[in-house]
Every structure is written in structure tokens, then in C-alpha cells.
Amino acid sequence: MAQAHTEPIVGVLLAGGQSRRMGGGDKCLAKLAGRPLLSHVIGRLKAQTDTLVLNANGDPERFSRFGLPTVADPVEGFAGPLAGVLAGFTWAKSHAPDARWIVT
């Protein structure tokens, strides 16, 4: 039987890419069943984490309706998903210092 973790869990939603294969734009805002993909992911992870943070580059205002803190990559030039993971670690260190688990 799996044991429940009592340490806080931070969920980092990686949405900092350029969506080149989809022709640009924000992939996480594409609709599925009438709702943005990001809404579906938030709905799944919210119950499994204590805190969620969104990693996205560009103007964070476009994600304000989701009510999540938004952090950009700390590395310039769209360095890839590991830059987003680093952004999540950096955010968690200062905003959720008791967290012992980070999921992406």
C-alpha cells in the first residue's frame, strides 16, 4: 500500500516553450472540450499538490485568469524545459521553503 506524503508538494506547470510545431502561440491555451488545456492540467494537479506555479515566458498577464503565480525562465533564449524546472525550483525555494517534493 502506498504511503501518503505529509511534506508539502509544489507542482510546476511547464508552459515556457515556443510551440513551434503548433505554429506558435500558447499551446496551453488551446481548447480541449471547450476549455484551455491549462485548465484541465490545473484541475488534475490541484488536488495532488499543495501549491501550483506556472512557468511561462512573455507577458504573464495572459495567464492571470488562472490565478497562479507565473515565473519566467531564469535563462535567456528559450533554453528548453530544464530552464522551466529551474524556474520552479527557484520559486519554490523562496515561496514554499518547506516543500520537499516538486512535480512537473
PDB file of N, CA and C in Angstrom:
ATOM      1  N   MET A   1       0.842  -1.175   0.000  1.00  0.00           N
ATOM      2  CA  MET A   1       0.000   0.000   0.000  1.00  0.00           C
ATOM      3  C   MET A   1       0.887   1.238   0.000  1.00  0.00           C
ATOM      4  N   ALA A   2       0.578   2.196  -0.856  1.00  0.00           N
ATOM      5  CA  ALA A   2       1.361   3.426  -0.944  1.00  0.00           C
ATOM      6  C   ALA A   2       1.115   4.295   0.279  1.00  0.00           C
ATOM      7  N   GLN A   3       2.168   4.929   0.742  1.00  0.00           N
ATOM      8  CA  GLN A   3       2.047   5.825   1.885  1.00  0.00           C
ATOM      9  C   GLN A   3       1.814   7.250   1.401  1.00  0.00           C
ATOM     10  N   ALA A   4       0.988   7.980   2.122  1.00  0.00           N
ATOM     11  CA  ALA A   4       0.748   9.380   1.792  1.00  0.00           C
ATOM     12  C   ALA A   4       1.914  10.221   2.293  1.00  0.00           C
ATOM     13  N   HIS A   5       2.312  11.179   1.495  1.00  0.00           N
ATOM     14  CA  HIS A   5       3.380  12.088   1.895  1.00  0.00           C
ATOM     15  C   HIS A   5       2.784  13.224   2.713  1.00  0.00           C
ATOM     16  N   THR A   6       3.450  13.578   3.782  1.00  0.00           N
ATOM     17  CA  THR A   6       2.978  14.690   4.600  1.00  0.00           C
ATOM     18  C   THR A   6       3.752  15.962   4.301  1.00  0.00           C
ATOM     19  N   GLU A   7       4.873  15.845   3.589  1.00  0.00           N
ATOM     20  CA  GLU A   7       5.633  17.031   3.226  1.00  0.00           C
ATOM     21  C   GLU A   7       4.915  17.763   2.090  1.00  0.00           C
ATOM     22  N   PRO A   8       4.986  19.107   2.084  1.00  0.00           N
ATOM     23  CA  PRO A   8       4.324  19.870   1.018  1.00  0.00           C
ATOM     24  C   PRO A   8       4.863  19.514  -0.371  1.00  0.00           C
ATOM     25  N   ILE A   9       3.969  19.534  -1.344  1.00  0.00           N
ATOM     26  CA  ILE A   9       4.311  19.249  -2.738  1.00  0.00           C
ATOM     27  C   ILE A   9       4.004  20.480  -3.579  1.00  0.00           C
ATOM     28  N   VAL A  10       4.980  20.904  -4.372  1.00  0.00           N
ATOM     29  CA  VAL A  10       4.804  22.013  -5.306  1.00  0.00           C
ATOM     30  C   VAL A  10       4.671  21.435  -6.711  1.00  0.00           C
ATOM     31  N   GLY A  11       3.663  21.871  -7.433  1.00  0.00           N
ATOM     32  CA  GLY A  11       3.501  21.484  -8.832  1.00  0.00           C
ATOM     33  C   GLY A  11       3.959  22.619  -9.724  1.00  0.00           C
ATOM     34  N   VAL A  12       4.850  22.327 -10.656  1.00  0.00           N
ATOM     35  CA  VAL A  12       5.354  23.323 -11.604  1.00  0.00           C
ATOM     36  C   VAL A  12       4.814  22.960 -12.986  1.00  0.00           C
ATOM     37  N   LEU A  13       3.977  23.820 -13.525  1.00  0.00           N
ATOM     38  CA  LEU A  13       3.388  23.588 -14.841  1.00  0.00           C
ATOM     39  C   LEU A  13       4.274  24.254 -15.886  1.00  0.00           C
ATOM     40  N   LEU A  14       4.874  23.467 -16.737  1.00  0.00           N
ATOM     41  CA  LEU A  14       5.817  23.973 -17.732  1.00  0.00           C
ATOM     42  C   LEU A  14       5.073  24.401 -18.995  1.00  0.00           C
ATOM     43  N   ALA A  15       5.089  25.703 -19.256  1.00  0.00           N
ATOM     44  CA  ALA A  15       4.428  26.250 -20.445  1.00  0.00           C
ATOM     45  C   ALA A  15       5.288  27.349 -21.058  1.00  0.00           C
ATOM     46  N   GLY A  16       6.597  27.192 -20.971  1.00  0.00           N
ATOM     47  CA  GLY A  16       7.501  28.250 -21.416  1.00  0.00           C
ATOM     48  C   GLY A  16       8.040  28.091 -22.816  1.00  0.00           C
ATOM     49  N   GLY A  17       7.554  27.107 -23.548  1.00  0.00           N
ATOM     50  CA  GLY A  17       8.090  26.858 -24.883  1.00  0.00           C
ATOM     51  C   GLY A  17       7.531  27.794 -25.938  1.00  0.00           C
ATOM     52  N   GLN A  18       8.024  27.628 -27.150  1.00  0.00           N
ATOM     53  CA  GLN A  18       7.620  28.486 -28.261  1.00  0.00           C
ATOM     54  C   GLN A  18       6.523  27.874 -29.127  1.00  0.00           C
ATOM     55  N   SER A  19       6.147  26.649 -28.883  1.00  0.00           N
ATOM     56  CA  SER A  19       5.089  25.965 -29.651  1.00  0.00           C
ATOM     57  C   SER A  19       5.365  25.992 -31.152  1.00  0.00           C
ATOM     58  N   ARG A  20       6.609  25.814 -31.541  1.00  0.00           N
ATOM     59  CA  ARG A  20       6.961  25.864 -32.968  1.00  0.00           C
ATOM     60  C   ARG A  20       6.215  24.816 -33.778  1.00  0.00           C
ATOM     61  N   ARG A  21       6.041  23.623 -33.246  1.00  0.00           N
ATOM     62  CA  ARG A  21       5.362  22.569 -34.011  1.00  0.00           C
ATOM     63  C   ARG A  21       3.870  22.831 -34.155  1.00  0.00           C
ATOM     64  N   MET A  22       3.344  23.739 -33.335  1.00  0.00           N
ATOM     65  CA  MET A  22       1.922  24.090 -33.436  1.00  0.00           C
ATOM     66  C   MET A  22       1.734  25.442 -34.109  1.00  0.00           C
ATOM     67  N   GLY A  23       2.805  25.981 -34.677  1.00  0.00           N
ATOM     68  CA  GLY A  23       2.693  27.256 -35.382  1.00  0.00           C
ATOM     69  C   GLY A  23       2.758  28.464 -34.477  1.00  0.00           C
ATOM     70  N   GLY A  24       3.287  28.324 -33.280  1.00  0.00           N
ATOM     71  CA  GLY A  24       3.409  29.452 -32.350  1.00  0.00           C
ATOM     72  C   GLY A  24       2.180  29.590 -31.474  1.00  0.00           C
ATOM     73  N   GLY A  25       2.180  30.618 -30.663  1.00  0.00           N
ATOM     74  CA  GLY A  25       1.074  30.833 -29.732  1.00  0.00           C
ATOM     75  C   GLY A  25       1.260  30.031 -28.463  1.00  0.00           C
ATOM     76  N   ASP A  26       0.307  30.120 -27.595  1.00  0.00           N
ATOM     77  CA  ASP A  26       0.365  29.422 -26.313  1.00  0.00           C
ATOM     78  C   ASP A  26      -0.374  28.094 -26.403  1.00  0.00           C
ATOM     79  N   LYS A  27       0.385  27.028 -26.449  1.00  0.00           N
ATOM     80  CA  LYS A  27      -0.197  25.684 -26.542  1.00  0.00           C
ATOM     81  C   LYS A  27      -1.142  25.421 -25.372  1.00  0.00           C
ATOM     82  N   CYS A  28      -0.763  25.886 -24.187  1.00  0.00           N
ATOM     83  CA  CYS A  28      -1.577  25.609 -23.001  1.00  0.00           C
ATOM     84  C   CYS A  28      -2.925  26.331 -23.031  1.00  0.00           C
ATOM     85  N   LEU A  29      -3.080  27.304 -23.932  1.00  0.00           N
ATOM     86  CA  LEU A  29      -4.360  27.999 -24.050  1.00  0.00           C
ATOM     87  C   LEU A  29      -5.241  27.408 -25.154  1.00  0.00           C
ATOM     88  N   ALA A  30      -4.703  26.432 -25.894  1.00  0.00           N
ATOM     89  CA  ALA A  30      -5.512  25.748 -26.910  1.00  0.00           C
ATOM     90  C   ALA A  30      -6.682  25.049 -26.211  1.00  0.00           C
ATOM     91  N   LYS A  31      -7.812  25.001 -26.882  1.00  0.00           N
ATOM     92  CA  LYS A  31      -9.028  24.454 -26.270  1.00  0.00           C
ATOM     93  C   LYS A  31      -9.147  22.946 -26.482  1.00  0.00           C
ATOM     94  N   LEU A  32      -9.607  22.297 -25.449  1.00  0.00           N
ATOM     95  CA  LEU A  32      -9.971  20.882 -25.480  1.00  0.00           C
ATOM     96  C   LEU A  32     -11.296  20.772 -24.743  1.00  0.00           C
ATOM     97  N   ALA A  33     -12.305  20.280 -25.405  1.00  0.00           N
ATOM     98  CA  ALA A  33     -13.645  20.173 -24.816  1.00  0.00           C
ATOM     99  C   ALA A  33     -14.119  21.526 -24.288  1.00  0.00           C
ATOM    100  N   GLY A  34     -13.785  22.596 -25.042  1.00  0.00           N
ATOM    101  CA  GLY A  34     -14.262  23.930 -24.693  1.00  0.00           C
ATOM    102  C   GLY A  34     -13.485  24.655 -23.609  1.00  0.00           C
ATOM    103  N   ARG A  35     -12.447  24.027 -23.078  1.00  0.00           N
ATOM    104  CA  ARG A  35     -11.643  24.654 -22.016  1.00  0.00           C
ATOM    105  C   ARG A  35     -10.173  24.645 -22.404  1.00  0.00           C
ATOM    106  N   PRO A  36      -9.408  25.648 -21.962  1.00  0.00           N
ATOM    107  CA  PRO A  36      -7.974  25.640 -22.249  1.00  0.00           C
ATOM    108  C   PRO A  36      -7.299  24.402 -21.649  1.00  0.00           C
ATOM    109  N   LEU A  37      -6.298  23.875 -22.355  1.00  0.00           N
ATOM    110  CA  LEU A  37      -5.552  22.726 -21.841  1.00  0.00           C
ATOM    111  C   LEU A  37      -5.046  22.991 -20.430  1.00  0.00           C
ATOM    112  N   LEU A  38      -4.617  24.220 -20.176  1.00  0.00           N
ATOM    113  CA  LEU A  38      -4.105  24.564 -18.849  1.00  0.00           C
ATOM    114  C   LEU A  38      -5.161  24.342 -17.768  1.00  0.00           C
ATOM    115  N   SER A  39      -6.417  24.620 -18.061  1.00  0.00           N
ATOM    116  CA  SER A  39      -7.491  24.377 -17.088  1.00  0.00           C
ATOM    117  C   SER A  39      -7.597  22.898 -16.732  1.00  0.00           C
ATOM    118  N   HIS A  40      -7.457  22.050 -17.732  1.00  0.00           N
ATOM    119  CA  HIS A  40      -7.511  20.605 -17.486  1.00  0.00           C
ATOM    120  C   HIS A  40      -6.358  20.161 -16.585  1.00  0.00           C
ATOM    121  N   VAL A  41      -5.160  20.670 -16.867  1.00  0.00           N
ATOM    122  CA  VAL A  41      -3.982  20.282 -16.081  1.00  0.00           C
ATOM    123  C   VAL A  41      -4.110  20.788 -14.648  1.00  0.00           C
ATOM    124  N   ILE A  42      -4.545  22.027 -14.480  1.00  0.00           N
ATOM    125  CA  ILE A  42      -4.739  22.582 -13.136  1.00  0.00           C
ATOM    126  C   ILE A  42      -5.748  21.735 -12.368  1.00  0.00           C
ATOM    127  N   GLY A  43      -6.841  21.376 -13.020  1.00  0.00           N
ATOM    128  CA  GLY A  43      -7.856  20.555 -12.371  1.00  0.00           C
ATOM    129  C   GLY A  43      -7.327  19.214 -11.891  1.00  0.00           C
ATOM    130  N   ARG A  44      -6.430  18.629 -12.653  1.00  0.00           N
ATOM    131  CA  ARG A  44      -5.840  17.340 -12.273  1.00  0.00           C
ATOM    132  C   ARG A  44      -4.844  17.469 -11.131  1.00  0.00           C
ATOM    133  N   LEU A  45      -3.995  18.484 -11.208  1.00  0.00           N
ATOM    134  CA  LEU A  45      -2.907  18.595 -10.230  1.00  0.00           C
ATOM    135  C   LEU A  45      -3.285  19.304  -8.936  1.00  0.00           C
ATOM    136  N   LYS A  46      -4.312  20.113  -8.959  1.00  0.00           N
ATOM    137  CA  LYS A  46      -4.667  20.904  -7.775  1.00  0.00           C
ATOM    138  C   LYS A  46      -4.896  20.030  -6.544  1.00  0.00           C
ATOM    139  N   ALA A  47      -5.569  18.919  -6.711  1.00  0.00           N
ATOM    140  CA  ALA A  47      -5.866  18.042  -5.573  1.00  0.00           C
ATOM    141  C   ALA A  47      -4.655  17.225  -5.130  1.00  0.00           C
ATOM    142  N   GLN A  48      -3.633  17.164  -5.969  1.00  0.00           N
ATOM    143  CA  GLN A  48      -2.471  16.337  -5.664  1.00  0.00           C
ATOM    144  C   GLN A  48      -1.267  17.140  -5.185  1.00  0.00           C
ATOM    145  N   THR A  49      -1.386  18.453  -5.178  1.00  0.00           N
ATOM    146  CA  THR A  49      -0.281  19.316  -4.759  1.00  0.00           C
ATOM    147  C   THR A  49      -0.778  20.320  -3.733  1.00  0.00           C
ATOM    148  N   ASP A  50       0.162  20.919  -3.026  1.00  0.00           N
ATOM    149  CA  ASP A  50      -0.196  21.965  -2.068  1.00  0.00           C
ATOM    150  C   ASP A  50      -0.161  23.341  -2.712  1.00  0.00           C
ATOM    151  N   THR A  51       0.697  23.499  -3.701  1.00  0.00           N
ATOM    152  CA  THR A  51       0.884  24.771  -4.383  1.00  0.00           C
ATOM    153  C   THR A  51       1.167  24.504  -5.851  1.00  0.00           C
ATOM    154  N   LEU A  52       0.610  25.341  -6.715  1.00  0.00           N
ATOM    155  CA  LEU A  52       0.918  25.265  -8.138  1.00  0.00           C
ATOM    156  C   LEU A  52       1.548  26.569  -8.590  1.00  0.00           C
ATOM    157  N   VAL A  53       2.516  26.462  -9.484  1.00  0.00           N
ATOM    158  CA  VAL A  53       3.148  27.627 -10.090  1.00  0.00           C
ATOM    159  C   VAL A  53       3.269  27.347 -11.586  1.00  0.00           C
ATOM    160  N   LEU A  54       3.071  28.376 -12.385  1.00  0.00           N
ATOM    161  CA  LEU A  54       3.135  28.252 -13.836  1.00  0.00           C
ATOM    162  C   LEU A  54       4.443  28.840 -14.337  1.00  0.00           C
ATOM    163  N   ASN A  55       5.176  28.071 -15.106  1.00  0.00           N
ATOM    164  CA  ASN A  55       6.378  28.577 -15.769  1.00  0.00           C
ATOM    165  C   ASN A  55       5.997  28.926 -17.200  1.00  0.00           C
ATOM    166  N   ALA A  56       6.072  30.220 -17.530  1.00  0.00           N
ATOM    167  CA  ALA A  56       5.772  30.682 -18.883  1.00  0.00           C
ATOM    168  C   ALA A  56       6.579  31.939 -19.158  1.00  0.00           C
ATOM    169  N   ASN A  57       6.981  32.103 -20.391  1.00  0.00           N
ATOM    170  CA  ASN A  57       7.745  33.281 -20.784  1.00  0.00           C
ATOM    171  C   ASN A  57       6.831  34.296 -21.448  1.00  0.00           C
ATOM    172  N   GLY A  58       7.293  35.528 -21.548  1.00  0.00           N
ATOM    173  CA  GLY A  58       6.480  36.581 -22.141  1.00  0.00           C
ATOM    174  C   GLY A  58       5.615  37.248 -21.087  1.00  0.00           C
ATOM    175  N   ASP A  59       4.543  37.870 -21.538  1.00  0.00           N
ATOM    176  CA  ASP A  59       3.662  38.636 -20.651  1.00  0.00           C
ATOM    177  C   ASP A  59       2.839  37.699 -19.759  1.00  0.00           C
ATOM    178  N   PRO A  60       3.078  37.718 -18.444  1.00  0.00           N
ATOM    179  CA  PRO A  60       2.339  36.818 -17.547  1.00  0.00           C
ATOM    180  C   PRO A  60       0.860  37.176 -17.413  1.00  0.00           C
ATOM    181  N   GLU A  61       0.486  38.379 -17.822  1.00  0.00           N
ATOM    182  CA  GLU A  61      -0.909  38.820 -17.692  1.00  0.00           C
ATOM    183  C   GLU A  61      -1.869  37.903 -18.456  1.00  0.00           C
ATOM    184  N   ARG A  62      -1.404  37.288 -19.526  1.00  0.00           N
ATOM    185  CA  ARG A  62      -2.297  36.434 -20.318  1.00  0.00           C
ATOM    186  C   ARG A  62      -2.741  35.185 -19.564  1.00  0.00           C
ATOM    187  N   PHE A  63      -2.101  34.908 -18.435  1.00  0.00           N
ATOM    188  CA  PHE A  63      -2.473  33.752 -17.616  1.00  0.00           C
ATOM    189  C   PHE A  63      -3.165  34.152 -16.307  1.00  0.00           C
ATOM    190  N   SER A  64      -3.439  35.427 -16.121  1.00  0.00           N
ATOM    191  CA  SER A  64      -3.973  35.905 -14.835  1.00  0.00           C
ATOM    192  C   SER A  64      -5.302  35.250 -14.469  1.00  0.00           C
ATOM    193  N   ARG A  65      -6.093  34.884 -15.438  1.00  0.00           N
ATOM    194  CA  ARG A  65      -7.411  34.285 -15.149  1.00  0.00           C
ATOM    195  C   ARG A  65      -7.309  32.941 -14.437  1.00  0.00           C
ATOM    196  N   PHE A  66      -6.129  32.326 -14.471  1.00  0.00           N
ATOM    197  CA  PHE A  66      -5.955  31.024 -13.827  1.00  0.00           C
ATOM    198  C   PHE A  66      -5.567  31.143 -12.358  1.00  0.00           C
ATOM    199  N   GLY A  67      -5.205  32.345 -11.915  1.00  0.00           N
ATOM    200  CA  GLY A  67      -4.919  32.580 -10.504  1.00  0.00           C
ATOM    201  C   GLY A  67      -3.664  31.915  -9.975  1.00  0.00           C
ATOM    202  N   LEU A  68      -2.706  31.656 -10.848  1.00  0.00           N
ATOM    203  CA  LEU A  68      -1.455  31.027 -10.418  1.00  0.00           C
ATOM    204  C   LEU A  68      -0.304  32.022 -10.496  1.00  0.00           C
ATOM    205  N   PRO A  69       0.664  31.896  -9.597  1.00  0.00           N
ATOM    206  CA  PRO A  69       1.877  32.684  -9.788  1.00  0.00           C
ATOM    207  C   PRO A  69       2.555  32.217 -11.078  1.00  0.00           C
ATOM    208  N   THR A  70       3.087  33.157 -11.833  1.00  0.00           N
ATOM    209  CA  THR A  70       3.735  32.836 -13.103  1.00  0.00           C
ATOM    210  C   THR A  70       5.184  33.278 -13.054  1.00  0.00           C
ATOM    211  N   VAL A  71       6.091  32.367 -13.371  1.00  0.00           N
ATOM    212  CA  VAL A  71       7.521  32.677 -13.360  1.00  0.00           C
ATOM    213  C   VAL A  71       8.119  32.366 -14.728  1.00  0.00           C
ATOM    214  N   ALA A  72       9.005  33.241 -15.169  1.00  0.00           N
ATOM    215  CA  ALA A  72       9.690  33.058 -16.450  1.00  0.00           C
ATOM    216  C   ALA A  72      10.968  32.255 -16.250  1.00  0.00           C
ATOM    217  N   ASP A  73      11.489  31.734 -17.342  1.00  0.00           N
ATOM    218  CA  ASP A  73      12.774  31.036 -17.299  1.00  0.00           C
ATOM    219  C   ASP A  73      13.856  31.990 -16.802  1.00  0.00           C
ATOM    220  N   PRO A  74      14.735  31.525 -15.922  1.00  0.00           N
ATOM    221  CA  PRO A  74      15.840  32.368 -15.466  1.00  0.00           C
ATOM    222  C   PRO A  74      16.989  32.409 -16.471  1.00  0.00           C
ATOM    223  N   VAL A  75      16.892  31.611 -17.525  1.00  0.00           N
ATOM    224  CA  VAL A  75      17.914  31.537 -18.565  1.00  0.00           C
ATOM    225  C   VAL A  75      17.324  32.145 -19.833  1.00  0.00           C
ATOM    226  N   GLU A  76      18.046  33.036 -20.479  1.00  0.00           N
ATOM    227  CA  GLU A  76      17.526  33.689 -21.682  1.00  0.00           C
ATOM    228  C   GLU A  76      17.591  32.776 -22.901  1.00  0.00           C
ATOM    229  N   GLY A  77      16.745  33.074 -23.877  1.00  0.00           N
ATOM    230  CA  GLY A  77      16.829  32.414 -25.166  1.00  0.00           C
ATOM    231  C   GLY A  77      16.099  31.091 -25.290  1.00  0.00           C
ATOM    232  N   PHE A  78      15.050  30.863 -24.531  1.00  0.00           N
ATOM    233  CA  PHE A  78      14.268  29.631 -24.622  1.00  0.00           C
ATOM    234  C   PHE A  78      15.182  28.409 -24.556  1.00  0.00           C
ATOM    235  N   ALA A  79      15.783  28.211 -23.408  1.00  0.00           N
ATOM    236  CA  ALA A  79      16.773  27.149 -23.205  1.00  0.00           C
ATOM    237  C   ALA A  79      16.159  25.751 -23.121  1.00  0.00           C
ATOM    238  N   GLY A  80      14.855  25.648 -23.074  1.00  0.00           N
ATOM    239  CA  GLY A  80      14.211  24.337 -23.027  1.00  0.00           C
ATOM    240  C   GLY A  80      13.550  24.070 -21.688  1.00  0.00           C
ATOM    241  N   PRO A  81      12.948  22.891 -21.542  1.00  0.00           N
ATOM    242  CA  PRO A  81      12.166  22.592 -20.346  1.00  0.00           C
ATOM    243  C   PRO A  81      12.967  22.586 -19.046  1.00  0.00           C
ATOM    244  N   LEU A  82      14.247  22.279 -19.103  1.00  0.00           N
ATOM    245  CA  LEU A  82      15.027  22.296 -17.858  1.00  0.00           C
ATOM    246  C   LEU A  82      15.148  23.703 -17.293  1.00  0.00           C
ATOM    247  N   ALA A  83      15.093  24.718 -18.150  1.00  0.00           N
ATOM    248  CA  ALA A  83      15.080  26.097 -17.656  1.00  0.00           C
ATOM    249  C   ALA A  83      13.791  26.349 -16.875  1.00  0.00           C
ATOM    250  N   GLY A  84      12.696  25.753 -17.317  1.00  0.00           N
ATOM    251  CA  GLY A  84      11.437  25.866 -16.591  1.00  0.00           C
ATOM    252  C   GLY A  84      11.470  25.140 -15.264  1.00  0.00           C
ATOM    253  N   VAL A  85      12.117  23.987 -15.237  1.00  0.00           N
ATOM    254  CA  VAL A  85      12.277  23.254 -13.980  1.00  0.00           C
ATOM    255  C   VAL A  85      13.103  24.092 -13.005  1.00  0.00           C
ATOM    256  N   LEU A  86      14.178  24.708 -13.501  1.00  0.00           N
ATOM    257  CA  LEU A  86      14.996  25.586 -12.663  1.00  0.00           C
ATOM    258  C   LEU A  86      14.168  26.754 -12.136  1.00  0.00           C
ATOM    259  N   ALA A  87      13.322  27.329 -12.968  1.00  0.00           N
ATOM    260  CA  ALA A  87      12.444  28.416 -12.525  1.00  0.00           C
ATOM    261  C   ALA A  87      11.539  27.942 -11.392  1.00  0.00           C
ATOM    262  N   GLY A  88      11.017  26.727 -11.512  1.00  0.00           N
ATOM    263  CA  GLY A  88      10.166  26.166 -10.459  1.00  0.00           C
ATOM    264  C   GLY A  88      10.924  25.936  -9.169  1.00  0.00           C
ATOM    265  N   PHE A  89      12.141  25.396  -9.264  1.00  0.00           N
ATOM    266  CA  PHE A  89      12.973  25.199  -8.068  1.00  0.00           C
ATOM    267  C   PHE A  89      13.257  26.528  -7.383  1.00  0.00           C
ATOM    268  N   THR A  90      13.619  27.522  -8.177  1.00  0.00           N
ATOM    269  CA  THR A  90      13.949  28.844  -7.629  1.00  0.00           C
ATOM    270  C   THR A  90      12.735  29.455  -6.942  1.00  0.00           C
ATOM    271  N   TRP A  91      11.572  29.347  -7.576  1.00  0.00           N
ATOM    272  CA  TRP A  91      10.345  29.880  -6.988  1.00  0.00           C
ATOM    273  C   TRP A  91      10.034  29.154  -5.683  1.00  0.00           C
ATOM    274  N   ALA A  92      10.110  27.833  -5.697  1.00  0.00           N
ATOM    275  CA  ALA A  92       9.784  27.043  -4.502  1.00  0.00           C
ATOM    276  C   ALA A  92      10.723  27.362  -3.346  1.00  0.00           C
ATOM    277  N   LYS A  93      11.976  27.593  -3.641  1.00  0.00           N
ATOM    278  CA  LYS A  93      12.947  27.891  -2.577  1.00  0.00           C
ATOM    279  C   LYS A  93      12.540  29.126  -1.787  1.00  0.00           C
ATOM    280  N   SER A  94      11.996  30.135  -2.463  1.00  0.00           N
ATOM    281  CA  SER A  94      11.628  31.358  -1.745  1.00  0.00           C
ATOM    282  C   SER A  94      10.158  31.420  -1.335  1.00  0.00           C
ATOM    283  N   HIS A  95       9.262  30.720  -2.033  1.00  0.00           N
ATOM    284  CA  HIS A  95       7.827  30.816  -1.737  1.00  0.00           C
ATOM    285  C   HIS A  95       7.242  29.594  -1.028  1.00  0.00           C
ATOM    286  N   ALA A  96       7.930  28.482  -1.102  1.00  0.00           N
ATOM    287  CA  ALA A  96       7.463  27.252  -0.447  1.00  0.00           C
ATOM    288  C   ALA A  96       8.672  26.506   0.117  1.00  0.00           C
ATOM    289  N   PRO A  97       9.413  27.155   1.031  1.00  0.00           N
ATOM    290  CA  PRO A  97      10.672  26.570   1.511  1.00  0.00           C
ATOM    291  C   PRO A  97      10.513  25.239   2.243  1.00  0.00           C
ATOM    292  N   ASP A  98       9.326  24.931   2.725  1.00  0.00           N
ATOM    293  CA  ASP A  98       9.108  23.660   3.418  1.00  0.00           C
ATOM    294  C   ASP A  98       8.821  22.503   2.461  1.00  0.00           C
ATOM    295  N   ALA A  99       8.624  22.812   1.190  1.00  0.00           N
ATOM    296  CA  ALA A  99       8.309  21.764   0.214  1.00  0.00           C
ATOM    297  C   ALA A  99       9.490  20.816   0.059  1.00  0.00           C
ATOM    298  N   ARG A 100       9.187  19.548   0.022  1.00  0.00           N
ATOM    299  CA  ARG A 100      10.214  18.528  -0.166  1.00  0.00           C
ATOM    300  C   ARG A 100      10.028  17.777  -1.474  1.00  0.00           C
ATOM    301  N   TRP A 101       8.942  18.060  -2.156  1.00  0.00           N
ATOM    302  CA  TRP A 101       8.632  17.403  -3.416  1.00  0.00           C
ATOM    303  C   TRP A 101       8.231  18.453  -4.439  1.00  0.00           C
ATOM    304  N   ILE A 102       8.728  18.293  -5.652  1.00  0.00           N
ATOM    305  CA  ILE A 102       8.323  19.150  -6.761  1.00  0.00           C
ATOM    306  C   ILE A 102       7.967  18.237  -7.922  1.00  0.00           C
ATOM    307  N   VAL A 103       6.785  18.431  -8.476  1.00  0.00           N
ATOM    308  CA  VAL A 103       6.365  17.659  -9.648  1.00  0.00           C
ATOM    309  C   VAL A 103       6.205  18.612 -10.823  1.00  0.00           C
ATOM    310  N   THR A 104       6.521  18.110 -12.013  1.00  0.00           N
ATOM    311  CA  THR A 104       6.364  18.933 -13.213  1.00  0.00           C
ATOM    312  C   THR A 104       5.453  18.227 -14.193  1.00  0.00           C
TER     313      THR A 104
END
